[in-house]
N, C-alpha and C. Protein backbone atom coordinates (compact mmCIF):
# COMPACT_ATOMS: atom_id res chain seq x y z
N MET A 1 -21.39 -51.58 56.55
CA MET A 1 -19.95 -51.27 56.65
C MET A 1 -19.66 -50.65 58.02
N LYS A 2 -18.60 -51.09 58.64
CA LYS A 2 -18.21 -50.56 59.95
C LYS A 2 -17.22 -49.42 59.78
N TYR A 3 -17.51 -48.31 60.45
CA TYR A 3 -16.63 -47.15 60.39
C TYR A 3 -15.75 -47.11 61.64
N LEU A 4 -14.46 -46.99 61.42
CA LEU A 4 -13.47 -47.11 62.49
C LEU A 4 -12.61 -45.86 62.59
N LEU A 5 -12.24 -45.53 63.83
CA LEU A 5 -11.39 -44.37 64.08
C LEU A 5 -10.03 -44.82 64.57
N ALA A 6 -8.97 -44.26 63.95
CA ALA A 6 -7.59 -44.65 64.27
C ALA A 6 -6.77 -43.40 64.60
N PRO A 7 -6.83 -42.91 65.83
CA PRO A 7 -6.01 -41.74 66.20
C PRO A 7 -4.52 -42.01 65.99
N SER A 8 -3.84 -41.03 65.41
CA SER A 8 -2.41 -41.18 65.13
C SER A 8 -1.57 -40.64 66.27
N LEU A 9 -0.74 -41.50 66.83
CA LEU A 9 0.11 -41.09 67.95
C LEU A 9 1.18 -40.09 67.55
N LEU A 10 1.34 -39.86 66.24
CA LEU A 10 2.32 -38.88 65.78
C LEU A 10 2.05 -37.51 66.40
N SER A 11 0.78 -37.23 66.69
CA SER A 11 0.40 -35.92 67.24
C SER A 11 0.23 -35.93 68.75
N ALA A 12 0.46 -37.06 69.38
CA ALA A 12 0.28 -37.16 70.83
C ALA A 12 1.47 -36.56 71.58
N ASP A 13 1.28 -36.33 72.85
CA ASP A 13 2.34 -35.84 73.73
C ASP A 13 3.10 -37.05 74.28
N PHE A 14 4.31 -37.28 73.76
CA PHE A 14 5.05 -38.47 74.14
C PHE A 14 5.60 -38.42 75.56
N SER A 15 5.53 -37.27 76.21
CA SER A 15 5.95 -37.19 77.61
C SER A 15 4.91 -37.83 78.53
N LYS A 16 3.71 -38.06 78.00
CA LYS A 16 2.65 -38.73 78.77
C LYS A 16 1.88 -39.68 77.87
N ILE A 17 2.62 -40.50 77.12
CA ILE A 17 2.03 -41.32 76.09
C ILE A 17 1.05 -42.34 76.64
N GLY A 18 1.34 -42.90 77.81
CA GLY A 18 0.42 -43.86 78.41
C GLY A 18 -0.93 -43.24 78.71
N GLU A 19 -0.92 -42.02 79.22
CA GLU A 19 -2.15 -41.30 79.52
C GLU A 19 -2.91 -40.99 78.24
N GLU A 20 -2.20 -40.56 77.21
CA GLU A 20 -2.83 -40.24 75.92
C GLU A 20 -3.55 -41.46 75.34
N ILE A 21 -2.90 -42.60 75.40
CA ILE A 21 -3.50 -43.83 74.88
C ILE A 21 -4.74 -44.22 75.68
N SER A 22 -4.65 -44.09 77.00
CA SER A 22 -5.80 -44.42 77.85
C SER A 22 -7.00 -43.54 77.53
N ILE A 23 -6.75 -42.27 77.23
CA ILE A 23 -7.84 -41.33 76.94
C ILE A 23 -8.59 -41.74 75.67
N ILE A 24 -7.86 -42.02 74.60
CA ILE A 24 -8.54 -42.35 73.34
C ILE A 24 -9.21 -43.71 73.44
N GLU A 25 -8.62 -44.63 74.18
CA GLU A 25 -9.22 -45.95 74.34
C GLU A 25 -10.53 -45.86 75.10
N LYS A 26 -10.52 -45.13 76.19
CA LYS A 26 -11.73 -44.94 77.00
C LYS A 26 -12.82 -44.23 76.20
N ALA A 27 -12.41 -43.31 75.32
CA ALA A 27 -13.37 -42.54 74.54
C ALA A 27 -14.02 -43.35 73.42
N GLY A 28 -13.42 -44.50 73.08
CA GLY A 28 -14.03 -45.37 72.08
C GLY A 28 -13.28 -45.56 70.78
N ALA A 29 -12.04 -45.08 70.69
CA ALA A 29 -11.26 -45.28 69.47
C ALA A 29 -11.08 -46.77 69.21
N ASP A 30 -10.90 -47.13 67.95
CA ASP A 30 -10.79 -48.53 67.54
C ASP A 30 -9.34 -49.00 67.38
N TYR A 31 -8.53 -48.16 66.74
CA TYR A 31 -7.14 -48.49 66.46
C TYR A 31 -6.23 -47.42 67.09
N ILE A 32 -4.98 -47.79 67.28
CA ILE A 32 -3.90 -46.83 67.47
C ILE A 32 -3.08 -46.85 66.19
N HIS A 33 -2.98 -45.70 65.52
CA HIS A 33 -2.23 -45.61 64.28
C HIS A 33 -0.82 -45.14 64.60
N LEU A 34 0.16 -45.94 64.19
CA LEU A 34 1.55 -45.69 64.52
C LEU A 34 2.34 -45.43 63.25
N ASP A 35 2.76 -44.19 63.07
CA ASP A 35 3.50 -43.78 61.87
C ASP A 35 4.99 -43.99 62.07
N ILE A 36 5.55 -44.89 61.29
CA ILE A 36 6.97 -45.23 61.40
C ILE A 36 7.70 -44.59 60.22
N MET A 37 8.61 -43.67 60.52
CA MET A 37 9.33 -42.92 59.49
C MET A 37 10.84 -43.07 59.67
N ASP A 38 11.54 -43.22 58.55
CA ASP A 38 12.97 -43.53 58.61
C ASP A 38 13.89 -42.40 58.19
N GLY A 39 13.34 -41.25 57.78
CA GLY A 39 14.19 -40.15 57.33
C GLY A 39 14.70 -40.32 55.91
N HIS A 40 14.31 -41.39 55.23
CA HIS A 40 14.72 -41.64 53.85
C HIS A 40 13.50 -41.66 52.92
N PHE A 41 12.57 -42.57 53.21
CA PHE A 41 11.35 -42.61 52.40
C PHE A 41 10.53 -41.34 52.58
N VAL A 42 10.53 -40.82 53.79
CA VAL A 42 9.90 -39.53 54.10
C VAL A 42 10.89 -38.68 54.89
N PRO A 43 10.76 -37.36 54.84
CA PRO A 43 11.75 -36.47 55.50
C PRO A 43 11.47 -36.26 56.99
N ASN A 44 11.37 -37.35 57.72
CA ASN A 44 11.15 -37.26 59.16
C ASN A 44 11.55 -38.58 59.78
N ILE A 45 11.79 -38.59 61.07
CA ILE A 45 12.14 -39.81 61.81
C ILE A 45 11.25 -39.89 63.04
N THR A 46 10.67 -41.07 63.28
CA THR A 46 9.82 -41.20 64.47
C THR A 46 10.39 -42.24 65.43
N PHE A 47 9.84 -43.44 65.45
CA PHE A 47 10.26 -44.44 66.44
C PHE A 47 10.20 -45.82 65.80
N GLY A 48 10.60 -46.84 66.57
CA GLY A 48 10.67 -48.18 66.02
C GLY A 48 10.04 -49.23 66.92
N PRO A 49 10.36 -50.50 66.69
CA PRO A 49 9.73 -51.60 67.44
C PRO A 49 9.85 -51.51 68.96
N PRO A 50 10.97 -51.06 69.53
CA PRO A 50 11.04 -51.02 71.00
C PRO A 50 9.96 -50.15 71.64
N VAL A 51 9.65 -49.03 71.00
CA VAL A 51 8.60 -48.15 71.54
C VAL A 51 7.24 -48.84 71.43
N ILE A 52 6.97 -49.47 70.30
CA ILE A 52 5.70 -50.17 70.13
C ILE A 52 5.55 -51.29 71.16
N LYS A 53 6.61 -52.01 71.39
CA LYS A 53 6.57 -53.10 72.37
C LYS A 53 6.22 -52.59 73.76
N LYS A 54 6.75 -51.44 74.12
CA LYS A 54 6.47 -50.84 75.43
C LYS A 54 5.02 -50.39 75.54
N ILE A 55 4.52 -49.67 74.54
CA ILE A 55 3.17 -49.12 74.66
C ILE A 55 2.10 -50.18 74.43
N LYS A 56 2.47 -51.30 73.81
CA LYS A 56 1.51 -52.39 73.62
C LYS A 56 0.99 -52.87 74.97
N ARG A 57 1.80 -52.77 75.98
CA ARG A 57 1.40 -53.21 77.32
C ARG A 57 0.33 -52.33 77.92
N ARG A 58 0.13 -51.14 77.36
CA ARG A 58 -0.79 -50.16 77.93
C ARG A 58 -2.16 -50.15 77.27
N SER A 59 -2.37 -50.98 76.26
CA SER A 59 -3.61 -50.85 75.51
C SER A 59 -4.06 -52.18 74.90
N ASN A 60 -5.38 -52.32 74.77
CA ASN A 60 -5.96 -53.46 74.08
C ASN A 60 -6.47 -53.09 72.69
N LEU A 61 -6.20 -51.86 72.25
CA LEU A 61 -6.62 -51.43 70.93
C LEU A 61 -5.81 -52.15 69.84
N VAL A 62 -6.36 -52.16 68.64
CA VAL A 62 -5.65 -52.70 67.48
C VAL A 62 -4.48 -51.78 67.16
N PHE A 63 -3.29 -52.36 67.01
CA PHE A 63 -2.10 -51.57 66.67
C PHE A 63 -1.91 -51.59 65.16
N ASP A 64 -2.17 -50.42 64.58
CA ASP A 64 -2.18 -50.21 63.13
C ASP A 64 -0.86 -49.53 62.77
N VAL A 65 0.10 -50.31 62.29
CA VAL A 65 1.47 -49.84 62.07
C VAL A 65 1.69 -49.48 60.60
N HIS A 66 1.96 -48.20 60.37
CA HIS A 66 2.10 -47.64 59.03
C HIS A 66 3.59 -47.41 58.75
N LEU A 67 4.17 -48.27 57.93
CA LEU A 67 5.60 -48.21 57.65
C LEU A 67 5.89 -47.27 56.49
N MET A 68 6.37 -46.09 56.82
CA MET A 68 6.83 -45.13 55.81
C MET A 68 8.35 -45.21 55.77
N ILE A 69 8.81 -46.37 55.32
CA ILE A 69 10.24 -46.66 55.35
C ILE A 69 10.65 -47.37 54.07
N GLU A 70 11.91 -47.23 53.70
CA GLU A 70 12.45 -47.95 52.56
C GLU A 70 12.73 -49.40 52.94
N ASN A 71 12.59 -50.29 51.99
CA ASN A 71 12.86 -51.71 52.18
C ASN A 71 12.15 -52.27 53.42
N PRO A 72 10.83 -52.15 53.49
CA PRO A 72 10.11 -52.57 54.70
C PRO A 72 10.26 -54.05 55.02
N GLU A 73 10.56 -54.85 53.99
CA GLU A 73 10.70 -56.29 54.22
C GLU A 73 11.77 -56.63 55.26
N LYS A 74 12.72 -55.74 55.45
CA LYS A 74 13.79 -55.98 56.42
C LYS A 74 13.31 -55.84 57.87
N TYR A 75 12.20 -55.17 58.07
CA TYR A 75 11.80 -54.81 59.42
C TYR A 75 10.41 -55.34 59.82
N ILE A 76 9.69 -55.91 58.89
CA ILE A 76 8.32 -56.35 59.17
C ILE A 76 8.25 -57.31 60.36
N ASP A 77 9.11 -58.30 60.40
CA ASP A 77 9.06 -59.27 61.49
C ASP A 77 9.29 -58.61 62.85
N SER A 78 10.17 -57.63 62.90
CA SER A 78 10.44 -56.93 64.16
C SER A 78 9.22 -56.17 64.64
N PHE A 79 8.50 -55.54 63.71
CA PHE A 79 7.30 -54.80 64.10
C PHE A 79 6.17 -55.74 64.52
N ILE A 80 6.06 -56.87 63.86
CA ILE A 80 5.05 -57.85 64.25
C ILE A 80 5.38 -58.43 65.63
N ASP A 81 6.65 -58.74 65.86
CA ASP A 81 7.06 -59.25 67.16
C ASP A 81 6.79 -58.23 68.27
N ALA A 82 6.85 -56.95 67.92
CA ALA A 82 6.63 -55.88 68.91
C ALA A 82 5.15 -55.69 69.23
N GLY A 83 4.26 -56.22 68.37
CA GLY A 83 2.84 -56.12 68.68
C GLY A 83 1.94 -55.59 67.60
N ALA A 84 2.43 -55.41 66.38
CA ALA A 84 1.58 -54.91 65.29
C ALA A 84 0.47 -55.90 64.96
N ASP A 85 -0.74 -55.38 64.80
CA ASP A 85 -1.88 -56.19 64.37
C ASP A 85 -2.17 -55.99 62.88
N ILE A 86 -1.83 -54.82 62.38
CA ILE A 86 -1.96 -54.48 60.96
C ILE A 86 -0.64 -53.85 60.52
N ILE A 87 -0.14 -54.25 59.37
CA ILE A 87 1.07 -53.64 58.81
C ILE A 87 0.70 -53.02 57.46
N SER A 88 0.98 -51.71 57.32
CA SER A 88 0.80 -51.02 56.04
C SER A 88 2.17 -50.73 55.45
N VAL A 89 2.35 -51.11 54.20
CA VAL A 89 3.59 -50.80 53.49
C VAL A 89 3.24 -49.96 52.26
N HIS A 90 4.13 -49.07 51.90
CA HIS A 90 3.89 -48.23 50.73
C HIS A 90 4.28 -48.96 49.46
N ALA A 91 3.40 -48.85 48.46
CA ALA A 91 3.70 -49.44 47.16
C ALA A 91 4.99 -48.87 46.58
N GLU A 92 5.30 -47.63 46.93
CA GLU A 92 6.47 -46.94 46.38
C GLU A 92 7.78 -47.32 47.09
N SER A 93 7.68 -48.09 48.19
CA SER A 93 8.85 -48.30 49.06
C SER A 93 9.61 -49.59 48.80
N THR A 94 9.08 -50.45 47.93
CA THR A 94 9.71 -51.75 47.73
C THR A 94 9.58 -52.19 46.28
N LYS A 95 10.55 -52.95 45.80
CA LYS A 95 10.52 -53.46 44.43
C LYS A 95 9.65 -54.70 44.30
N HIS A 96 9.39 -55.37 45.41
CA HIS A 96 8.70 -56.66 45.37
C HIS A 96 7.49 -56.61 46.29
N LEU A 97 6.49 -55.85 45.89
CA LEU A 97 5.33 -55.61 46.76
C LEU A 97 4.57 -56.89 47.07
N HIS A 98 4.36 -57.73 46.09
CA HIS A 98 3.63 -58.98 46.33
C HIS A 98 4.35 -59.83 47.37
N ARG A 99 5.65 -59.92 47.27
CA ARG A 99 6.43 -60.71 48.23
C ARG A 99 6.29 -60.15 49.64
N VAL A 100 6.29 -58.83 49.77
CA VAL A 100 6.15 -58.20 51.08
C VAL A 100 4.78 -58.49 51.68
N ILE A 101 3.73 -58.42 50.85
CA ILE A 101 2.38 -58.73 51.33
C ILE A 101 2.32 -60.18 51.83
N GLN A 102 2.91 -61.07 51.09
CA GLN A 102 2.91 -62.47 51.51
C GLN A 102 3.70 -62.67 52.80
N GLN A 103 4.75 -61.91 52.98
CA GLN A 103 5.54 -61.96 54.21
C GLN A 103 4.68 -61.58 55.41
N ILE A 104 3.90 -60.52 55.25
CA ILE A 104 3.01 -60.07 56.33
C ILE A 104 1.94 -61.13 56.61
N LYS A 105 1.30 -61.62 55.56
CA LYS A 105 0.21 -62.58 55.72
C LYS A 105 0.70 -63.88 56.35
N SER A 106 1.93 -64.24 56.09
CA SER A 106 2.47 -65.49 56.65
C SER A 106 2.59 -65.44 58.17
N ARG A 107 2.60 -64.22 58.71
CA ARG A 107 2.67 -64.04 60.17
C ARG A 107 1.28 -63.87 60.79
N LYS A 108 0.24 -64.11 60.02
CA LYS A 108 -1.14 -64.02 60.51
C LYS A 108 -1.51 -62.61 60.98
N VAL A 109 -0.95 -61.61 60.29
CA VAL A 109 -1.23 -60.21 60.58
C VAL A 109 -1.92 -59.62 59.35
N LYS A 110 -2.82 -58.66 59.56
CA LYS A 110 -3.51 -58.04 58.43
C LYS A 110 -2.55 -57.21 57.59
N ALA A 111 -2.71 -57.28 56.28
CA ALA A 111 -1.81 -56.61 55.35
C ALA A 111 -2.54 -55.47 54.63
N CYS A 112 -1.84 -54.34 54.53
CA CYS A 112 -2.38 -53.14 53.89
C CYS A 112 -1.32 -52.54 52.99
N VAL A 113 -1.75 -52.01 51.85
CA VAL A 113 -0.85 -51.25 50.99
C VAL A 113 -1.28 -49.79 51.01
N ALA A 114 -0.31 -48.91 51.20
CA ALA A 114 -0.55 -47.47 51.20
C ALA A 114 -0.11 -46.87 49.88
N LEU A 115 -0.88 -45.89 49.42
CA LEU A 115 -0.57 -45.20 48.16
C LEU A 115 -0.43 -43.71 48.42
N ASN A 116 0.69 -43.13 47.98
CA ASN A 116 0.87 -41.69 48.04
C ASN A 116 -0.12 -41.00 47.11
N PRO A 117 -0.37 -39.71 47.31
CA PRO A 117 -1.36 -39.01 46.49
C PRO A 117 -1.16 -39.15 44.99
N ALA A 118 0.07 -39.13 44.52
CA ALA A 118 0.33 -39.18 43.08
C ALA A 118 0.39 -40.60 42.53
N THR A 119 0.28 -41.60 43.38
CA THR A 119 0.38 -42.99 42.93
C THR A 119 -0.99 -43.49 42.47
N PRO A 120 -1.09 -44.00 41.25
CA PRO A 120 -2.40 -44.44 40.73
C PRO A 120 -2.87 -45.74 41.35
N LEU A 121 -4.18 -45.93 41.34
CA LEU A 121 -4.76 -47.17 41.86
C LEU A 121 -4.32 -48.39 41.06
N SER A 122 -3.89 -48.19 39.86
CA SER A 122 -3.52 -49.31 38.98
C SER A 122 -2.38 -50.16 39.53
N VAL A 123 -1.58 -49.61 40.46
CA VAL A 123 -0.50 -50.42 41.02
C VAL A 123 -1.05 -51.58 41.85
N LEU A 124 -2.33 -51.52 42.18
CA LEU A 124 -2.95 -52.58 42.98
C LEU A 124 -3.57 -53.67 42.13
N ASP A 125 -3.49 -53.55 40.81
CA ASP A 125 -4.22 -54.43 39.91
C ASP A 125 -4.02 -55.92 40.20
N ASN A 126 -2.82 -56.32 40.55
CA ASN A 126 -2.55 -57.74 40.71
C ASN A 126 -2.35 -58.19 42.15
N ILE A 127 -2.65 -57.29 43.09
CA ILE A 127 -2.46 -57.67 44.49
C ILE A 127 -3.65 -57.34 45.39
N TRP A 128 -4.63 -56.58 44.89
CA TRP A 128 -5.71 -56.12 45.77
C TRP A 128 -6.41 -57.28 46.46
N MET A 129 -6.53 -58.42 45.78
CA MET A 129 -7.25 -59.56 46.32
C MET A 129 -6.55 -60.20 47.52
N ASP A 130 -5.29 -59.84 47.76
CA ASP A 130 -4.54 -60.38 48.89
C ASP A 130 -4.56 -59.44 50.10
N LEU A 131 -5.23 -58.30 49.97
CA LEU A 131 -5.15 -57.27 51.01
C LEU A 131 -6.35 -57.29 51.94
N ASP A 132 -6.11 -56.83 53.17
CA ASP A 132 -7.18 -56.62 54.15
C ASP A 132 -7.62 -55.16 54.17
N MET A 133 -6.72 -54.27 53.77
CA MET A 133 -7.01 -52.84 53.80
C MET A 133 -6.14 -52.13 52.77
N ILE A 134 -6.65 -51.04 52.24
CA ILE A 134 -5.90 -50.17 51.34
C ILE A 134 -5.91 -48.78 51.96
N LEU A 135 -4.73 -48.19 52.08
CA LEU A 135 -4.59 -46.86 52.69
C LEU A 135 -4.35 -45.81 51.60
N ILE A 136 -5.28 -44.90 51.49
CA ILE A 136 -5.14 -43.77 50.56
C ILE A 136 -4.58 -42.59 51.34
N MET A 137 -3.36 -42.18 51.01
CA MET A 137 -2.77 -41.00 51.64
C MET A 137 -3.44 -39.76 51.06
N THR A 138 -4.01 -38.96 51.94
CA THR A 138 -4.71 -37.75 51.51
C THR A 138 -3.89 -36.48 51.79
N VAL A 139 -2.64 -36.69 52.15
CA VAL A 139 -1.59 -35.66 52.17
C VAL A 139 -0.31 -36.36 51.71
N ASN A 140 0.72 -35.60 51.42
CA ASN A 140 2.02 -36.21 51.15
C ASN A 140 2.63 -36.60 52.48
N PRO A 141 3.07 -37.86 52.63
CA PRO A 141 3.47 -38.37 53.93
C PRO A 141 4.76 -37.73 54.46
N GLY A 142 4.85 -37.72 55.78
CA GLY A 142 6.07 -37.26 56.42
C GLY A 142 5.86 -36.33 57.59
N PHE A 143 4.76 -35.59 57.59
CA PHE A 143 4.51 -34.63 58.67
C PHE A 143 3.02 -34.59 59.00
N GLY A 144 2.72 -34.35 60.27
CA GLY A 144 1.34 -34.17 60.69
C GLY A 144 0.88 -32.75 60.45
N GLY A 145 -0.42 -32.53 60.58
CA GLY A 145 -0.98 -31.19 60.50
C GLY A 145 -1.15 -30.61 59.11
N GLN A 146 -1.05 -31.45 58.06
CA GLN A 146 -1.22 -30.95 56.70
C GLN A 146 -2.70 -30.89 56.31
N SER A 147 -2.98 -30.17 55.22
CA SER A 147 -4.35 -30.03 54.74
C SER A 147 -4.70 -31.16 53.77
N TYR A 148 -5.91 -31.62 53.87
CA TYR A 148 -6.46 -32.67 53.01
C TYR A 148 -6.40 -32.24 51.54
N ILE A 149 -5.96 -33.15 50.67
CA ILE A 149 -5.89 -32.88 49.23
C ILE A 149 -7.22 -33.27 48.61
N PRO A 150 -8.03 -32.32 48.16
CA PRO A 150 -9.40 -32.63 47.72
C PRO A 150 -9.48 -33.55 46.52
N GLN A 151 -8.43 -33.60 45.70
CA GLN A 151 -8.46 -34.49 44.54
C GLN A 151 -8.53 -35.97 44.94
N MET A 152 -8.22 -36.25 46.22
CA MET A 152 -8.25 -37.63 46.69
C MET A 152 -9.67 -38.17 46.83
N ASN A 153 -10.66 -37.27 46.86
CA ASN A 153 -12.05 -37.72 46.96
C ASN A 153 -12.40 -38.67 45.81
N GLU A 154 -12.03 -38.28 44.61
CA GLU A 154 -12.35 -39.10 43.44
C GLU A 154 -11.59 -40.43 43.47
N LYS A 155 -10.38 -40.39 43.98
CA LYS A 155 -9.58 -41.62 44.08
C LYS A 155 -10.23 -42.60 45.05
N ILE A 156 -10.70 -42.09 46.18
CA ILE A 156 -11.38 -42.93 47.17
C ILE A 156 -12.66 -43.50 46.58
N LYS A 157 -13.43 -42.64 45.93
CA LYS A 157 -14.70 -43.07 45.33
C LYS A 157 -14.49 -44.16 44.29
N THR A 158 -13.49 -43.97 43.43
CA THR A 158 -13.19 -44.96 42.38
C THR A 158 -12.81 -46.29 42.99
N LEU A 159 -11.99 -46.25 44.03
CA LEU A 159 -11.57 -47.48 44.70
C LEU A 159 -12.75 -48.18 45.34
N ARG A 160 -13.61 -47.44 46.03
CA ARG A 160 -14.77 -48.06 46.67
C ARG A 160 -15.69 -48.70 45.63
N GLU A 161 -15.92 -48.02 44.53
CA GLU A 161 -16.78 -48.58 43.48
C GLU A 161 -16.19 -49.87 42.92
N PHE A 162 -14.87 -49.89 42.76
CA PHE A 162 -14.21 -51.10 42.26
C PHE A 162 -14.37 -52.25 43.25
N LEU A 163 -14.08 -51.99 44.53
CA LEU A 163 -14.16 -53.05 45.53
C LEU A 163 -15.59 -53.57 45.67
N ASP A 164 -16.55 -52.66 45.63
CA ASP A 164 -17.95 -53.09 45.70
C ASP A 164 -18.33 -53.96 44.50
N SER A 165 -17.78 -53.62 43.33
CA SER A 165 -18.09 -54.39 42.13
C SER A 165 -17.55 -55.82 42.22
N LYS A 166 -16.52 -55.98 43.03
CA LYS A 166 -15.92 -57.30 43.23
C LYS A 166 -16.51 -58.01 44.45
N ASN A 167 -17.41 -57.31 45.15
CA ASN A 167 -18.08 -57.87 46.32
C ASN A 167 -17.08 -58.39 47.35
N CYS A 168 -16.05 -57.58 47.61
CA CYS A 168 -15.01 -58.01 48.54
C CYS A 168 -15.00 -57.11 49.78
N ASN A 169 -14.55 -57.67 50.87
CA ASN A 169 -14.56 -56.99 52.17
C ASN A 169 -13.17 -56.46 52.49
N ILE A 170 -12.80 -55.37 51.83
CA ILE A 170 -11.49 -54.74 52.05
C ILE A 170 -11.73 -53.33 52.56
N ASP A 171 -11.12 -53.00 53.68
CA ASP A 171 -11.26 -51.66 54.24
C ASP A 171 -10.52 -50.63 53.40
N ILE A 172 -11.07 -49.42 53.36
CA ILE A 172 -10.36 -48.27 52.78
C ILE A 172 -10.05 -47.31 53.92
N GLN A 173 -8.77 -47.13 54.17
CA GLN A 173 -8.31 -46.20 55.20
C GLN A 173 -7.84 -44.91 54.55
N VAL A 174 -8.08 -43.79 55.22
CA VAL A 174 -7.58 -42.51 54.75
C VAL A 174 -6.74 -41.88 55.85
N ASP A 175 -5.67 -41.23 55.44
CA ASP A 175 -4.71 -40.66 56.39
C ASP A 175 -4.20 -39.34 55.86
N GLY A 176 -4.52 -38.26 56.60
CA GLY A 176 -3.98 -36.95 56.25
C GLY A 176 -5.04 -35.88 56.14
N GLY A 177 -5.01 -34.93 57.05
CA GLY A 177 -5.92 -33.79 56.98
C GLY A 177 -7.36 -34.10 57.32
N ILE A 178 -7.60 -35.22 58.00
CA ILE A 178 -8.98 -35.56 58.38
C ILE A 178 -9.39 -34.71 59.58
N LYS A 179 -10.48 -33.96 59.39
CA LYS A 179 -10.97 -33.03 60.41
C LYS A 179 -12.46 -33.24 60.62
N GLU A 180 -13.00 -32.55 61.61
CA GLU A 180 -14.43 -32.64 61.89
C GLU A 180 -15.26 -32.15 60.70
N ASP A 181 -14.73 -31.18 59.95
CA ASP A 181 -15.51 -30.59 58.86
C ASP A 181 -15.42 -31.34 57.53
N ASN A 182 -14.61 -32.41 57.47
CA ASN A 182 -14.54 -33.14 56.20
C ASN A 182 -14.72 -34.65 56.33
N ILE A 183 -14.76 -35.17 57.54
CA ILE A 183 -14.79 -36.62 57.71
C ILE A 183 -16.06 -37.25 57.13
N GLN A 184 -17.19 -36.56 57.24
CA GLN A 184 -18.42 -37.12 56.68
C GLN A 184 -18.39 -37.17 55.16
N LYS A 185 -17.80 -36.16 54.54
CA LYS A 185 -17.66 -36.15 53.08
C LYS A 185 -16.76 -37.29 52.62
N VAL A 186 -15.67 -37.49 53.34
CA VAL A 186 -14.74 -38.57 52.98
C VAL A 186 -15.41 -39.92 53.17
N ARG A 187 -16.24 -40.03 54.19
CA ARG A 187 -17.00 -41.27 54.41
C ARG A 187 -17.95 -41.51 53.24
N GLU A 188 -18.60 -40.46 52.77
CA GLU A 188 -19.51 -40.59 51.64
C GLU A 188 -18.79 -41.08 50.38
N MET A 189 -17.51 -40.73 50.24
CA MET A 189 -16.73 -41.17 49.09
C MET A 189 -16.43 -42.67 49.15
N GLY A 190 -16.50 -43.25 50.37
CA GLY A 190 -16.30 -44.70 50.48
C GLY A 190 -15.27 -45.16 51.48
N ALA A 191 -14.59 -44.25 52.15
CA ALA A 191 -13.63 -44.65 53.17
C ALA A 191 -14.37 -45.14 54.41
N ASN A 192 -13.75 -46.06 55.15
CA ASN A 192 -14.38 -46.52 56.39
C ASN A 192 -13.44 -46.62 57.58
N VAL A 193 -12.14 -46.36 57.38
CA VAL A 193 -11.18 -46.30 58.49
C VAL A 193 -10.47 -44.95 58.40
N PHE A 194 -10.54 -44.18 59.49
CA PHE A 194 -10.11 -42.79 59.45
C PHE A 194 -8.98 -42.53 60.45
N VAL A 195 -7.86 -42.06 59.91
CA VAL A 195 -6.72 -41.67 60.74
C VAL A 195 -6.82 -40.17 60.99
N ALA A 196 -6.71 -39.78 62.25
CA ALA A 196 -6.71 -38.36 62.60
C ALA A 196 -5.71 -38.15 63.73
N GLY A 197 -4.87 -37.14 63.57
CA GLY A 197 -3.83 -36.88 64.57
C GLY A 197 -4.02 -35.56 65.26
N SER A 198 -3.61 -34.49 64.60
CA SER A 198 -3.67 -33.15 65.19
C SER A 198 -5.10 -32.72 65.49
N ALA A 199 -6.08 -33.31 64.80
CA ALA A 199 -7.48 -32.95 65.04
C ALA A 199 -8.03 -33.62 66.29
N ILE A 200 -7.28 -34.56 66.87
CA ILE A 200 -7.72 -35.27 68.07
C ILE A 200 -6.85 -34.95 69.27
N PHE A 201 -5.55 -35.09 69.11
CA PHE A 201 -4.66 -34.91 70.26
C PHE A 201 -4.39 -33.43 70.54
N GLY A 202 -4.20 -33.14 71.82
CA GLY A 202 -3.99 -31.77 72.28
C GLY A 202 -4.98 -31.48 73.39
N ASP A 203 -5.60 -30.35 73.36
CA ASP A 203 -6.63 -30.03 74.34
C ASP A 203 -7.91 -30.82 74.05
N LYS A 204 -8.56 -31.29 75.11
CA LYS A 204 -9.86 -31.96 75.00
C LYS A 204 -9.81 -33.18 74.09
N THR A 205 -8.79 -34.01 74.28
CA THR A 205 -8.62 -35.19 73.43
C THR A 205 -9.81 -36.15 73.53
N GLU A 206 -10.29 -36.38 74.73
CA GLU A 206 -11.42 -37.30 74.90
C GLU A 206 -12.66 -36.77 74.20
N GLU A 207 -12.92 -35.48 74.38
CA GLU A 207 -14.09 -34.86 73.76
C GLU A 207 -14.00 -34.92 72.24
N LYS A 208 -12.82 -34.65 71.70
CA LYS A 208 -12.64 -34.67 70.25
C LYS A 208 -12.80 -36.08 69.69
N THR A 209 -12.29 -37.07 70.41
CA THR A 209 -12.45 -38.45 69.97
C THR A 209 -13.92 -38.82 69.89
N LYS A 210 -14.66 -38.47 70.90
CA LYS A 210 -16.10 -38.77 70.92
C LYS A 210 -16.84 -38.02 69.81
N THR A 211 -16.41 -36.80 69.52
CA THR A 211 -17.04 -36.03 68.44
C THR A 211 -16.83 -36.72 67.09
N PHE A 212 -15.62 -37.18 66.84
CA PHE A 212 -15.34 -37.89 65.58
C PHE A 212 -16.21 -39.14 65.47
N LEU A 213 -16.35 -39.87 66.56
CA LEU A 213 -17.17 -41.08 66.53
C LEU A 213 -18.63 -40.77 66.26
N LYS A 214 -19.12 -39.67 66.81
CA LYS A 214 -20.50 -39.25 66.53
C LYS A 214 -20.68 -38.91 65.05
N LEU A 215 -19.66 -38.26 64.47
CA LEU A 215 -19.73 -37.91 63.06
C LEU A 215 -19.73 -39.15 62.16
N LEU A 216 -19.24 -40.25 62.72
CA LEU A 216 -19.25 -41.53 62.00
C LEU A 216 -20.48 -42.35 62.36
N ASP A 217 -21.45 -41.71 63.05
CA ASP A 217 -22.69 -42.37 63.48
C ASP A 217 -22.40 -43.54 64.40
N ARG A 218 -21.47 -43.36 65.29
CA ARG A 218 -21.11 -44.40 66.25
C ARG A 218 -21.69 -44.09 67.63
């Protein structure tokens, strides 16, 4: 299993965003995680396709676009046109989740479903086989810098055991409260793609990125 690091730009300094992206890319990060918030699905607002289109020119990393927005089907094509390589949609954000997944797949982009902490894995029962990745939120979405919810360990473990039993190659991503002191434990539970924001960006961003990669045996 390949372990991947996806620094979240939500915690980066947007006054020097090009420099921030260059630092994590040079340090060895795999993805750029882009949190898109609309102020409705979550109580915060971030940015949209025009920003992604601009920063796409600055990086060759995989653009991992996490849509924390209502009715994502209205905006998926715009985010893909802007440069998204992976689109994550929340199971809680749309009435027609299967249709949304098919919309993403039809554009030859990887499809991911995100689950809030209180959302059971059972919502994936009839769609998991169409996914490239499943995102387990380990905090309640909307803000950076929150603490990891320990009850999510069992959720991650259960999901990994299920996917292994089906012998399928679907990534498990975790997002929220990932730090140097818990990333190895979360990896042991079965996650293999790790989003980290405030624990990476700030002082010594390059050093912190490299430390996370070492903790993932990279």
